[in-house]
Amino acid sequence: MRKYPTAYNQSMNTVLVQEMGRFNKLLHTIRDSCINIQKAIKGLVVMSAELEEVVNSILKGKIPAMWMKKSYPSLKPLGSYVNDFLARLKFLQDWYENGTPAVFWLSGFFFTQAFLTGAQQNFARKYTIPIDLLGFDYEVLEDKEYKQPPEDGVYIYGLFLDGARWDKKTKRLAESHPKILYDSVPVMWLKPCKRNDIVDRPSYTAPVYKTSERRGTLSTTGHSTNFVIAMTLPSDKPQEHWIGRGVALLCQLSS
C-alpha cells in the first residue's frame, strides 16, 4: 500500500492492490487446505468432507471445489491450473517490484473489468472527460516486444482467437488453418476515447470471455463472471460471416 498508494492520476495502483488482495485470499485457501490435509493424514485434525473432496480432486487431477469458491474462472486440469496460478502471481510480483509494466497480461487479472475501468479512468482524469462518455478503440500491433507504454491507453497481450485467426500480413481476421482451433493474438493497444469519436470501419465485434465455456452469471458487481468486453477487430467480411463461425476472443484455453 505504501509503495502503490491510491493516486488520482494513476488508477492502476488501486487495481494492483485489489488484485493482490484477491490472489492472497486464494493462496491462503490453497495453502491452508494442503496443510490441513497433511494434519488429517497424521490424525491431528478431523478429515472433513471438504478436505476429503480436496484430496479426491487432487488424485483425479481436478481443481478442488474449495479452491474454486475463491478462484478466478478456469476449466484447466489441476496441473495446468497450478502453473497458470503461479504465472499470475509472478506477473503481479514483477509489477510490484519493477513498477507498472509497459504491456499488461490481460489474462492474468482476477477481475479484468477493474483493469479496463482503470485504463479509462486514467484517461478521463488526464483530459477531464466524464468516464461515462468513454469507450475503447482497438488496434492490433506488430508482434514484437514493447518496452515503453503508450502515451494514452494500455498495451495488452494474452488473448486467443477461437473460430478464426489473425493474419499478420493483411492485419485482418482470416479463416482458421486446418486442425488449428486457436490462434494467439499479438499485442493490442486499447485506446480510450469518446464513443462519438470512434471511427466506423469494416470490422467484427468479437466478445471476450475468460474461459471457453462462454457463459457466466451476473456477479454482485453487476459484471458477468465470464464475459469481459466486446473488442472490434478489422475484417473484410461482414459480421454475419464470423458470427456463423462463433468467433470469440478467449483469455485462457482449457488445456
C-alpha atoms as a PDB file:
ATOM      1  CA  MET A   1       0.000   0.000   0.000  1.00  0.00           C
ATOM      2  CA  ARG A   2       2.869   2.406   0.772  1.00  0.00           C
ATOM      3  CA  LYS A   3       4.652   1.664  -2.489  1.00  0.00           C
ATOM      4  CA  TYR A   4       1.449   1.955  -4.544  1.00  0.00           C
ATOM      5  CA  PRO A   5      -0.833   4.441  -2.730  1.00  0.00           C
ATOM      6  CA  THR A   6      -4.223   5.493  -4.039  1.00  0.00           C
ATOM      7  CA  ALA A   7      -3.406   8.237  -6.544  1.00  0.00           C
ATOM      8  CA  TYR A   8      -5.756  10.496  -8.522  1.00  0.00           C
ATOM      9  CA  ASN A   9      -3.770  10.256 -11.775  1.00  0.00           C
ATOM     10  CA  GLN A  10      -2.802   6.552 -11.550  1.00  0.00           C
ATOM     11  CA  SER A  11      -5.746   4.207 -11.075  1.00  0.00           C
ATOM     12  CA  MET A  12      -3.527   1.171 -11.770  1.00  0.00           C
ATOM     13  CA  ASN A  13      -2.156   1.449  -8.214  1.00  0.00           C
ATOM     14  CA  THR A  14      -5.621   0.623  -6.870  1.00  0.00           C
ATOM     15  CA  VAL A  15      -6.024  -2.183  -9.442  1.00  0.00           C
ATOM     16  CA  LEU A  16      -2.726  -3.771  -8.301  1.00  0.00           C
ATOM     17  CA  VAL A  17      -3.568  -3.580  -4.590  1.00  0.00           C
ATOM     18  CA  GLN A  18      -7.050  -5.069  -5.138  1.00  0.00           C
ATOM     19  CA  GLU A  19      -5.687  -7.836  -7.379  1.00  0.00           C
ATOM     20  CA  MET A  20      -3.062  -8.777  -4.798  1.00  0.00           C
ATOM     21  CA  GLY A  21      -5.785  -8.951  -2.139  1.00  0.00           C
ATOM     22  CA  ARG A  22      -7.857 -11.365  -4.233  1.00  0.00           C
ATOM     23  CA  PHE A  23      -4.893 -13.587  -5.078  1.00  0.00           C
ATOM     24  CA  ASN A  24      -3.725 -13.619  -1.450  1.00  0.00           C
ATOM     25  CA  LYS A  25      -7.149 -14.947  -0.378  1.00  0.00           C
ATOM     26  CA  LEU A  26      -6.916 -17.754  -2.948  1.00  0.00           C
ATOM     27  CA  LEU A  27      -3.306 -18.514  -1.984  1.00  0.00           C
ATOM     28  CA  HIS A  28      -4.310 -18.639   1.708  1.00  0.00           C
ATOM     29  CA  THR A  29      -7.145 -21.100   0.909  1.00  0.00           C
ATOM     30  CA  ILE A  30      -4.857 -23.388  -1.138  1.00  0.00           C
ATOM     31  CA  ARG A  31      -2.074 -23.327   1.464  1.00  0.00           C
ATOM     32  CA  ASP A  32      -4.433 -23.922   4.413  1.00  0.00           C
ATOM     33  CA  SER A  33      -6.173 -26.852   2.721  1.00  0.00           C
ATOM     34  CA  CYS A  34      -2.842 -28.526   1.893  1.00  0.00           C
ATOM     35  CA  ILE A  35      -1.559 -28.069   5.473  1.00  0.00           C
ATOM     36  CA  ASN A  36      -4.824 -29.403   6.947  1.00  0.00           C
ATOM     37  CA  ILE A  37      -4.736 -32.450   4.650  1.00  0.00           C
ATOM     38  CA  GLN A  38      -1.267 -33.308   5.954  1.00  0.00           C
ATOM     39  CA  LYS A  39      -2.512 -32.892   9.541  1.00  0.00           C
ATOM     40  CA  ALA A  40      -5.608 -35.023   8.838  1.00  0.00           C
ATOM     41  CA  ILE A  41      -3.458 -37.838   7.403  1.00  0.00           C
ATOM     42  CA  LYS A  42      -1.374 -37.780  10.609  1.00  0.00           C
ATOM     43  CA  GLY A  43      -4.583 -37.823  12.675  1.00  0.00           C
ATOM     44  CA  LEU A  44      -4.072 -34.371  14.194  1.00  0.00           C
ATOM     45  CA  VAL A  45      -7.309 -32.904  12.807  1.00  0.00           C
ATOM     46  CA  VAL A  46     -10.602 -34.372  11.580  1.00  0.00           C
ATOM     47  CA  MET A  47     -10.762 -35.245   7.866  1.00  0.00           C
ATOM     48  CA  SER A  48     -13.856 -33.214   6.997  1.00  0.00           C
ATOM     49  CA  ALA A  49     -15.990 -33.752   3.884  1.00  0.00           C
ATOM     50  CA  GLU A  50     -14.463 -30.599   2.350  1.00  0.00           C
ATOM     51  CA  LEU A  51     -10.896 -31.817   2.915  1.00  0.00           C
ATOM     52  CA  GLU A  52     -11.796 -35.259   1.557  1.00  0.00           C
ATOM     53  CA  GLU A  53     -13.156 -33.594  -1.593  1.00  0.00           C
ATOM     54  CA  VAL A  54      -9.843 -31.711  -1.990  1.00  0.00           C
ATOM     55  CA  VAL A  55      -7.873 -34.980  -1.700  1.00  0.00           C
ATOM     56  CA  ASN A  56     -10.122 -36.783  -4.206  1.00  0.00           C
ATOM     57  CA  SER A  57      -9.929 -33.878  -6.667  1.00  0.00           C
ATOM     58  CA  ILE A  58      -6.121 -33.754  -6.448  1.00  0.00           C
ATOM     59  CA  LEU A  59      -5.945 -37.518  -7.086  1.00  0.00           C
ATOM     60  CA  LYS A  60      -8.206 -37.102 -10.146  1.00  0.00           C
ATOM     61  CA  GLY A  61      -6.302 -34.046 -11.421  1.00  0.00           C
ATOM     62  CA  LYS A  62      -9.288 -31.712 -10.972  1.00  0.00           C
ATOM     63  CA  ILE A  63      -9.448 -28.287  -9.321  1.00  0.00           C
ATOM     64  CA  PRO A  64     -10.958 -28.772  -5.815  1.00  0.00           C
ATOM     65  CA  ALA A  65     -14.322 -27.078  -5.206  1.00  0.00           C
ATOM     66  CA  MET A  66     -12.918 -25.405  -2.069  1.00  0.00           C
ATOM     67  CA  TRP A  67     -10.330 -23.629  -4.231  1.00  0.00           C
ATOM     68  CA  MET A  68     -12.805 -22.717  -6.975  1.00  0.00           C
ATOM     69  CA  LYS A  69     -15.007 -20.848  -4.467  1.00  0.00           C
ATOM     70  CA  LYS A  70     -12.179 -18.326  -4.046  1.00  0.00           C
ATOM     71  CA  SER A  71     -10.720 -18.659  -7.543  1.00  0.00           C
ATOM     72  CA  TYR A  72     -10.981 -16.932 -10.888  1.00  0.00           C
ATOM     73  CA  PRO A  73     -12.907 -18.938 -13.581  1.00  0.00           C
ATOM     74  CA  SER A  74     -10.848 -21.785 -15.058  1.00  0.00           C
ATOM     75  CA  LEU A  75     -11.560 -25.004 -16.976  1.00  0.00           C
ATOM     76  CA  LYS A  76      -7.962 -26.216 -16.827  1.00  0.00           C
ATOM     77  CA  PRO A  77      -6.895 -29.537 -15.291  1.00  0.00           C
ATOM     78  CA  LEU A  78      -5.141 -29.230 -11.920  1.00  0.00           C
ATOM     79  CA  GLY A  79      -1.552 -29.284 -13.236  1.00  0.00           C
ATOM     80  CA  SER A  80      -2.196 -26.529 -15.793  1.00  0.00           C
ATOM     81  CA  TYR A  81      -4.213 -24.539 -13.250  1.00  0.00           C
ATOM     82  CA  VAL A  82      -1.320 -24.510 -10.764  1.00  0.00           C
ATOM     83  CA  ASN A  83       1.140 -23.405 -13.489  1.00  0.00           C
ATOM     84  CA  ASP A  84      -1.312 -20.675 -14.581  1.00  0.00           C
ATOM     85  CA  PHE A  85      -1.799 -19.543 -10.971  1.00  0.00           C
ATOM     86  CA  LEU A  86       1.974 -19.309 -10.413  1.00  0.00           C
ATOM     87  CA  ALA A  87       2.363 -17.311 -13.664  1.00  0.00           C
ATOM     88  CA  ARG A  88      -0.299 -14.839 -12.462  1.00  0.00           C
ATOM     89  CA  LEU A  89       1.462 -14.437  -9.109  1.00  0.00           C
ATOM     90  CA  LYS A  90       4.759 -13.788 -10.930  1.00  0.00           C
ATOM     91  CA  PHE A  91       3.056 -11.163 -13.137  1.00  0.00           C
ATOM     92  CA  LEU A  92       1.838  -9.283 -10.048  1.00  0.00           C
ATOM     93  CA  GLN A  93       5.178  -9.741  -8.232  1.00  0.00           C
ATOM     94  CA  ASP A  94       7.096  -8.285 -11.199  1.00  0.00           C
ATOM     95  CA  TRP A  95       4.633  -5.378 -11.339  1.00  0.00           C
ATOM     96  CA  TYR A  96       5.129  -4.729  -7.617  1.00  0.00           C
ATOM     97  CA  GLU A  97       8.931  -4.919  -7.764  1.00  0.00           C
ATOM     98  CA  ASN A  98       9.643  -3.252 -11.131  1.00  0.00           C
ATOM     99  CA  GLY A  99       6.775  -0.774 -11.445  1.00  0.00           C
ATOM    100  CA  THR A 100       3.842  -0.598 -13.865  1.00  0.00           C
ATOM    101  CA  PRO A 101       4.595  -2.833 -16.896  1.00  0.00           C
ATOM    102  CA  ALA A 102       4.682  -1.483 -20.450  1.00  0.00           C
ATOM    103  CA  VAL A 103       2.457  -4.344 -21.626  1.00  0.00           C
ATOM    104  CA  PHE A 104      -0.204  -5.905 -19.385  1.00  0.00           C
ATOM    105  CA  TRP A 105      -1.087  -9.605 -19.392  1.00  0.00           C
ATOM    106  CA  LEU A 106      -4.873  -9.281 -19.705  1.00  0.00           C
ATOM    107  CA  SER A 107      -5.433 -12.969 -18.882  1.00  0.00           C
ATOM    108  CA  GLY A 108      -3.517 -12.575 -15.616  1.00  0.00           C
ATOM    109  CA  PHE A 109      -6.130 -10.455 -13.882  1.00  0.00           C
ATOM    110  CA  PHE A 110      -8.605 -11.844 -11.376  1.00  0.00           C
ATOM    111  CA  PHE A 111     -11.159  -9.095 -12.084  1.00  0.00           C
ATOM    112  CA  THR A 112     -10.386  -7.966 -15.643  1.00  0.00           C
ATOM    113  CA  GLN A 113     -13.147  -5.341 -15.747  1.00  0.00           C
ATOM    114  CA  ALA A 114     -11.449  -3.346 -12.951  1.00  0.00           C
ATOM    115  CA  PHE A 115      -8.273  -3.089 -15.039  1.00  0.00           C
ATOM    116  CA  LEU A 116     -10.218  -1.858 -18.101  1.00  0.00           C
ATOM    117  CA  THR A 117     -12.079   0.704 -15.971  1.00  0.00           C
ATOM    118  CA  GLY A 118      -8.736   1.831 -14.508  1.00  0.00           C
ATOM    119  CA  ALA A 119      -7.360   2.449 -18.013  1.00  0.00           C
ATOM    120  CA  GLN A 120     -10.404   4.579 -18.885  1.00  0.00           C
ATOM    121  CA  GLN A 121     -10.263   6.389 -15.545  1.00  0.00           C
ATOM    122  CA  ASN A 122      -6.638   7.449 -16.094  1.00  0.00           C
ATOM    123  CA  PHE A 123      -7.619   8.912 -19.491  1.00  0.00           C
ATOM    124  CA  ALA A 124     -10.765  10.576 -18.109  1.00  0.00           C
ATOM    125  CA  ARG A 125      -8.839  12.285 -15.292  1.00  0.00           C
ATOM    126  CA  LYS A 126      -5.957  13.323 -17.566  1.00  0.00           C
ATOM    127  CA  TYR A 127      -8.243  15.104 -20.049  1.00  0.00           C
ATOM    128  CA  THR A 128     -11.114  15.890 -17.613  1.00  0.00           C
ATOM    129  CA  ILE A 129     -13.707  13.956 -19.621  1.00  0.00           C
ATOM    130  CA  PRO A 130     -16.647  12.167 -17.912  1.00  0.00           C
ATOM    131  CA  ILE A 131     -15.832   8.444 -17.874  1.00  0.00           C
ATOM    132  CA  ASP A 132     -19.432   7.643 -18.914  1.00  0.00           C
ATOM    133  CA  LEU A 133     -18.689   9.108 -22.367  1.00  0.00           C
ATOM    134  CA  LEU A 134     -15.641   6.906 -22.972  1.00  0.00           C
ATOM    135  CA  GLY A 135     -15.183   3.675 -24.883  1.00  0.00           C
ATOM    136  CA  PHE A 136     -12.206   1.845 -26.340  1.00  0.00           C
ATOM    137  CA  ASP A 137     -10.757   1.872 -29.825  1.00  0.00           C
ATOM    138  CA  TYR A 138      -8.684  -1.234 -30.599  1.00  0.00           C
ATOM    139  CA  GLU A 139      -5.538  -1.678 -32.642  1.00  0.00           C
ATOM    140  CA  VAL A 140      -3.640  -4.945 -33.119  1.00  0.00           C
ATOM    141  CA  LEU A 141       0.076  -4.101 -33.231  1.00  0.00           C
ATOM    142  CA  GLU A 142       3.166  -5.726 -34.712  1.00  0.00           C
ATOM    143  CA  ASP A 143       4.243  -8.945 -32.999  1.00  0.00           C
ATOM    144  CA  LYS A 144       7.315  -7.609 -31.163  1.00  0.00           C
ATOM    145  CA  GLU A 145       8.478  -6.576 -27.702  1.00  0.00           C
ATOM    146  CA  TYR A 146       7.314  -3.198 -26.379  1.00  0.00           C
ATOM    147  CA  LYS A 147       9.412  -1.623 -23.642  1.00  0.00           C
ATOM    148  CA  GLN A 148       7.571   1.697 -23.328  1.00  0.00           C
ATOM    149  CA  PRO A 149       3.866   2.128 -22.517  1.00  0.00           C
ATOM    150  CA  PRO A 150       1.695   4.227 -24.875  1.00  0.00           C
ATOM    151  CA  GLU A 151       1.002   7.892 -24.172  1.00  0.00           C
ATOM    152  CA  ASP A 152      -2.697   7.093 -23.658  1.00  0.00           C
ATOM    153  CA  GLY A 153      -4.392   3.760 -23.090  1.00  0.00           C
ATOM    154  CA  VAL A 154      -2.711   0.396 -22.444  1.00  0.00           C
ATOM    155  CA  TYR A 155      -0.917  -2.361 -24.335  1.00  0.00           C
ATOM    156  CA  ILE A 156      -2.248  -5.848 -23.594  1.00  0.00           C
ATOM    157  CA  TYR A 157      -1.380  -9.414 -24.599  1.00  0.00           C
ATOM    158  CA  GLY A 158      -2.525 -12.945 -23.803  1.00  0.00           C
ATOM    159  CA  LEU A 159      -5.720 -13.257 -25.881  1.00  0.00           C
ATOM    160  CA  PHE A 160      -6.620 -16.207 -28.138  1.00  0.00           C
ATOM    161  CA  LEU A 161      -8.896 -16.228 -31.190  1.00  0.00           C
ATOM    162  CA  ASP A 162     -11.431 -19.055 -31.310  1.00  0.00           C
ATOM    163  CA  GLY A 163     -13.028 -19.789 -34.700  1.00  0.00           C
ATOM    164  CA  ALA A 164     -10.682 -17.591 -36.743  1.00  0.00           C
ATOM    165  CA  ARG A 165      -7.045 -16.445 -36.885  1.00  0.00           C
ATOM    166  CA  TRP A 166      -5.217 -13.139 -37.095  1.00  0.00           C
ATOM    167  CA  ASP A 167      -3.494 -12.592 -40.459  1.00  0.00           C
ATOM    168  CA  LYS A 168      -0.296 -10.667 -39.673  1.00  0.00           C
ATOM    169  CA  LYS A 169       0.224  -9.670 -43.326  1.00  0.00           C
ATOM    170  CA  THR A 170      -3.184  -8.186 -44.061  1.00  0.00           C
ATOM    171  CA  LYS A 171      -3.798  -7.245 -40.378  1.00  0.00           C
ATOM    172  CA  ARG A 172      -7.315  -8.616 -40.572  1.00  0.00           C
ATOM    173  CA  LEU A 173      -9.334 -11.590 -39.378  1.00  0.00           C
ATOM    174  CA  ALA A 174      -8.884 -14.664 -41.558  1.00  0.00           C
ATOM    175  CA  GLU A 175     -10.126 -18.258 -41.729  1.00  0.00           C
ATOM    176  CA  SER A 176      -8.506 -20.691 -39.307  1.00  0.00           C
ATOM    177  CA  HIS A 177      -5.849 -23.065 -40.615  1.00  0.00           C
ATOM    178  CA  PRO A 178      -6.981 -26.724 -40.778  1.00  0.00           C
ATOM    179  CA  LYS A 179      -6.762 -28.571 -37.425  1.00  0.00           C
ATOM    180  CA  ILE A 180      -5.716 -25.416 -35.538  1.00  0.00           C
ATOM    181  CA  LEU A 181      -8.501 -24.454 -33.139  1.00  0.00           C
ATOM    182  CA  TYR A 182      -6.981 -21.376 -31.506  1.00  0.00           C
ATOM    183  CA  ASP A 183      -4.680 -18.593 -32.659  1.00  0.00           C
ATOM    184  CA  SER A 184      -2.796 -16.271 -30.311  1.00  0.00           C
ATOM    185  CA  VAL A 185      -3.378 -12.559 -30.892  1.00  0.00           C
ATOM    186  CA  PRO A 186      -0.362 -10.187 -30.947  1.00  0.00           C
ATOM    187  CA  VAL A 187      -0.102  -7.204 -28.601  1.00  0.00           C
ATOM    188  CA  MET A 188      -3.187  -4.978 -28.726  1.00  0.00           C
ATOM    189  CA  TRP A 189      -3.465  -1.273 -27.988  1.00  0.00           C
ATOM    190  CA  LEU A 190      -6.605  -0.326 -26.073  1.00  0.00           C
ATOM    191  CA  LYS A 191      -7.128   3.377 -26.745  1.00  0.00           C
ATOM    192  CA  PRO A 192      -9.693   5.164 -24.562  1.00  0.00           C
ATOM    193  CA  CYS A 193     -11.627   7.822 -26.439  1.00  0.00           C
ATOM    194  CA  LYS A 194     -15.077   9.359 -26.633  1.00  0.00           C
ATOM    195  CA  ARG A 195     -17.567   6.881 -28.088  1.00  0.00           C
ATOM    196  CA  ASN A 196     -18.661   9.526 -30.610  1.00  0.00           C
ATOM    197  CA  ASP A 197     -15.065   9.848 -31.874  1.00  0.00           C
ATOM    198  CA  ILE A 198     -14.608   6.134 -32.650  1.00  0.00           C
ATOM    199  CA  VAL A 199     -14.331   5.796 -36.444  1.00  0.00           C
ATOM    200  CA  ASP A 200     -16.756   3.322 -38.006  1.00  0.00           C
ATOM    201  CA  ARG A 201     -14.756   0.912 -40.217  1.00  0.00           C
ATOM    202  CA  PRO A 202     -15.223  -2.622 -41.587  1.00  0.00           C
ATOM    203  CA  SER A 203     -14.789  -4.817 -38.532  1.00  0.00           C
ATOM    204  CA  TYR A 204     -16.137  -7.670 -36.430  1.00  0.00           C
ATOM    205  CA  THR A 205     -17.148  -7.100 -32.812  1.00  0.00           C
ATOM    206  CA  ALA A 206     -15.658 -10.091 -31.012  1.00  0.00           C
ATOM    207  CA  PRO A 207     -16.826 -10.889 -27.464  1.00  0.00           C
ATOM    208  CA  VAL A 208     -14.028 -11.542 -24.964  1.00  0.00           C
ATOM    209  CA  TYR A 209     -14.542 -14.392 -22.485  1.00  0.00           C
ATOM    210  CA  LYS A 210     -12.405 -15.526 -19.566  1.00  0.00           C
ATOM    211  CA  THR A 211     -12.858 -19.216 -20.476  1.00  0.00           C
ATOM    212  CA  SER A 212     -14.064 -21.225 -23.471  1.00  0.00           C
ATOM    213  CA  GLU A 213     -17.285 -22.022 -21.587  1.00  0.00           C
ATOM    214  CA  ARG A 214     -18.613 -18.712 -22.950  1.00  0.00           C
ATOM    215  CA  ARG A 215     -21.241 -18.332 -20.271  1.00  0.00           C
ATOM    216  CA  GLY A 216     -21.323 -16.855 -16.810  1.00  0.00           C
ATOM    217  CA  THR A 217     -23.567 -15.497 -14.109  1.00  0.00           C
ATOM    218  CA  LEU A 218     -24.152 -11.912 -13.063  1.00  0.00           C
ATOM    219  CA  SER A 219     -21.971 -11.152 -10.025  1.00  0.00           C
ATOM    220  CA  THR A 220     -22.708  -8.666  -7.249  1.00  0.00           C
ATOM    221  CA  THR A 221     -20.589  -6.029  -9.065  1.00  0.00           C
ATOM    222  CA  GLY A 222     -23.043  -6.093 -11.986  1.00  0.00           C
ATOM    223  CA  HIS A 223     -20.498  -7.769 -14.269  1.00  0.00           C
ATOM    224  CA  SER A 224     -20.603 -11.229 -15.810  1.00  0.00           C
ATOM    225  CA  THR A 225     -18.319 -13.848 -14.260  1.00  0.00           C
ATOM    226  CA  ASN A 226     -17.152 -14.832 -17.775  1.00  0.00           C
ATOM    227  CA  PHE A 227     -17.888 -12.145 -20.379  1.00  0.00           C
ATOM    228  CA  VAL A 228     -15.367  -9.278 -20.208  1.00  0.00           C
ATOM    229  CA  ILE A 229     -15.884  -6.821 -23.103  1.00  0.00           C
ATOM    230  CA  ALA A 230     -16.518  -6.719 -26.865  1.00  0.00           C
ATOM    231  CA  MET A 231     -13.495  -5.789 -28.998  1.00  0.00           C
ATOM    232  CA  THR A 232     -13.625  -4.668 -32.635  1.00  0.00           C
ATOM    233  CA  LEU A 233     -11.190  -6.400 -34.997  1.00  0.00           C
ATOM    234  CA  PRO A 234     -10.599  -5.323 -38.632  1.00  0.00           C
ATOM    235  CA  SER A 235     -12.308  -7.576 -41.167  1.00  0.00           C
ATOM    236  CA  ASP A 236     -13.056  -7.557 -44.897  1.00  0.00           C
ATOM    237  CA  LYS A 237     -16.056  -9.867 -44.400  1.00  0.00           C
ATOM    238  CA  PRO A 238     -19.471  -8.979 -42.930  1.00  0.00           C
ATOM    239  CA  GLN A 239     -20.217  -9.546 -39.248  1.00  0.00           C
ATOM    240  CA  GLU A 240     -22.583 -12.425 -40.092  1.00  0.00           C
ATOM    241  CA  HIS A 241     -19.705 -14.423 -41.596  1.00  0.00           C
ATOM    242  CA  TRP A 242     -17.803 -14.528 -38.285  1.00  0.00           C
ATOM    243  CA  ILE A 243     -20.949 -14.829 -36.157  1.00  0.00           C
ATOM    244  CA  GLY A 244     -21.755 -18.040 -38.063  1.00  0.00           C
ATOM    245  CA  ARG A 245     -18.325 -19.378 -37.113  1.00  0.00           C
ATOM    246  CA  GLY A 246     -18.783 -18.389 -33.472  1.00  0.00           C
ATOM    247  CA  VAL A 247     -15.647 -16.279 -33.461  1.00  0.00           C
ATOM    248  CA  ALA A 248     -14.669 -15.004 -29.996  1.00  0.00           C
ATOM    249  CA  LEU A 249     -11.598 -13.957 -28.032  1.00  0.00           C
ATOM    250  CA  LEU A 250     -10.573 -16.047 -25.010  1.00  0.00           C
ATOM    251  CA  CYS A 251      -8.366 -15.000 -22.099  1.00  0.00           C
ATOM    252  CA  GLN A 252      -7.277 -18.585 -21.434  1.00  0.00           C
ATOM    253  CA  LEU A 253      -7.512 -22.011 -23.011  1.00  0.00           C
ATOM    254  CA  SER A 254      -8.803 -25.145 -21.302  1.00  0.00           C
ATOM    255  CA  SER A 255      -5.521 -27.052 -21.565  1.00  0.00           C
END
